[in-house]
Amino acid sequence: MKCYKSKWILTSEGEILKDYAIVVDEGKIVDIIPNAQVDFEEKVVKDLGNAVITPGFIDLFTQYQYTTVGEAKPVGVKNVIKKLFQTISKKYNFAGVKPDNYSLKWANILSDYYTMNRQEKIESFKCGIEESIKAGTTCIAQVSREFKYFDIINKVPIKNYLFFEVFADSSQKSKKKFKDIRAKVEDLIYHKGENSHIGIMLHSISSVHKKLWELFSKYCRKHNMLMMTRFAESQDEIEWLEFGFSDIDLLHKFMGFRKITPYMKGVTPVEYLDNLKVLTKKIIAANANFADEEELQKLAETGVKYVYQPYYSEEICNKKLSLATVLKYFKENFGFSTQSFAKEKDFSLLRLANSANEECGLPIDELIKYLTIYPAKILRLENTTGSIKVGKDADFNVFRLCEGEDYNALKNLALPYATYSKGRKLVKNGEVRFTL
């Protein structure tokens, strides 16, 4: 048993506790008591002094396989040749396309990723996980089409949701892809650890055939599984829906897909998916950068949950929604994502949220809920994590404060002093205490 005394505790349960302690036993919070009532043996009591305890943070959309993409030159003759081929293919397929084009940006990312060897990809993946935990993240929603990351993520010392990403460019391929993924997922369910959960990521409207939408939507409803998608992410997607073609076709060709045609044209993203009857409260939609306010209202009315990705939206999509807009339509139904392709990546959810909040001025205890209890509810993990509450897992962060500061100082902080998952100290003063 351990007892952690702190000046402040932000519970994410509507309470701000002053001079309280949390009691942890076998990875669970078993009590929350005033500091004055702590009478345990000295060896089990940790007095944190002027510090604030928060629940562990939840990153609602990660792709750690891309953490170090573009940083190293391809190694080995095979990868050098592959890189050359990718460069020629890009120049041929994207001739005349502006450098800031969404589809070209993704072609550049994928080109760099495809020329990484297996070990480089695995190290990139592990690096992203480690940096996130250093920043106080104790739960992630990882998106990947490759099953090789399952063994790694299944052993990480934090909670995780692995959303398997699927594409299909025809009805026939949709049926085959569905059977293959279904068999693999059902096998992995029997091998997953207690921290791991599995969902399905239907990549986007423009890269998933109508048939695959129908098959997985029905499957996820039947098995009560979460489903995620990128939504109204780019101007390319909007044009694809309007005209039946756009620069997204160039990206598909570069990736080896056949041309995908929308089953209906001249509609909005909301109308497209609504007519497929796939918009439900079990859908998590990322971005919606190019949805207008009427569409956002309709999307919110369906009960769809939302992922806010400010870094990614600015870098890749050339447009992002303001936090004020997100709060207007998805209040208590969204979480943040730190996904970025910048050279110097920032995995701090707290810094990202504080930056986004400058225009809104939410109280810090309310802002913290969008990093904790609200995304926990979106992932249906609120019974075990997302708040400081008796009976929940001891997933929490410790932030040291200067003399005279109170919990509001979190507005100026980014990294915790210590991070705990199920009562296990994973990070102390910026140093990790676990191996992957």
Foldseek 3Di string as FASTA:
>chain_A
DAKEWEQWELFLPPDIDGQKIFDADQQFGADIGHVVPDDDPPVRYDYQYHWYKYFFFEAEEDAQLLQCFPVDDFDDPVLNVLLVVLVVLLCVLQPPPDPQALLSVVSSSVSSSVSHDPVSSVVSSVVLVLQLVQQRHQEYEYEEQDPVCQVVVLPDLGAYEYAHEDFDQDLVVLVVRLVVVVVVVVVVVVVGDPRYHYAYEDEEQQGHALNNLLSRLVVCVVVVGAYEYEFLQAPQVLVCQAPQHGSNCSSCVSVVHHGHGQPHHRDHRLVSVVVSVRQALSYEYEFSFPPDLVSLQVSLVRNHAYEAEVQCSVRNRVGGDQVVSCCVRQPLRYAYHQDHNDNDGASFSLQVLLVSCPVPPDQPSSSSLRRFQSVCVSNPNNQAGRGDDGNHGRWMFMARDDPPDHPSCSSVDGGGQWTDTSRHTQHHRSDGDDDD
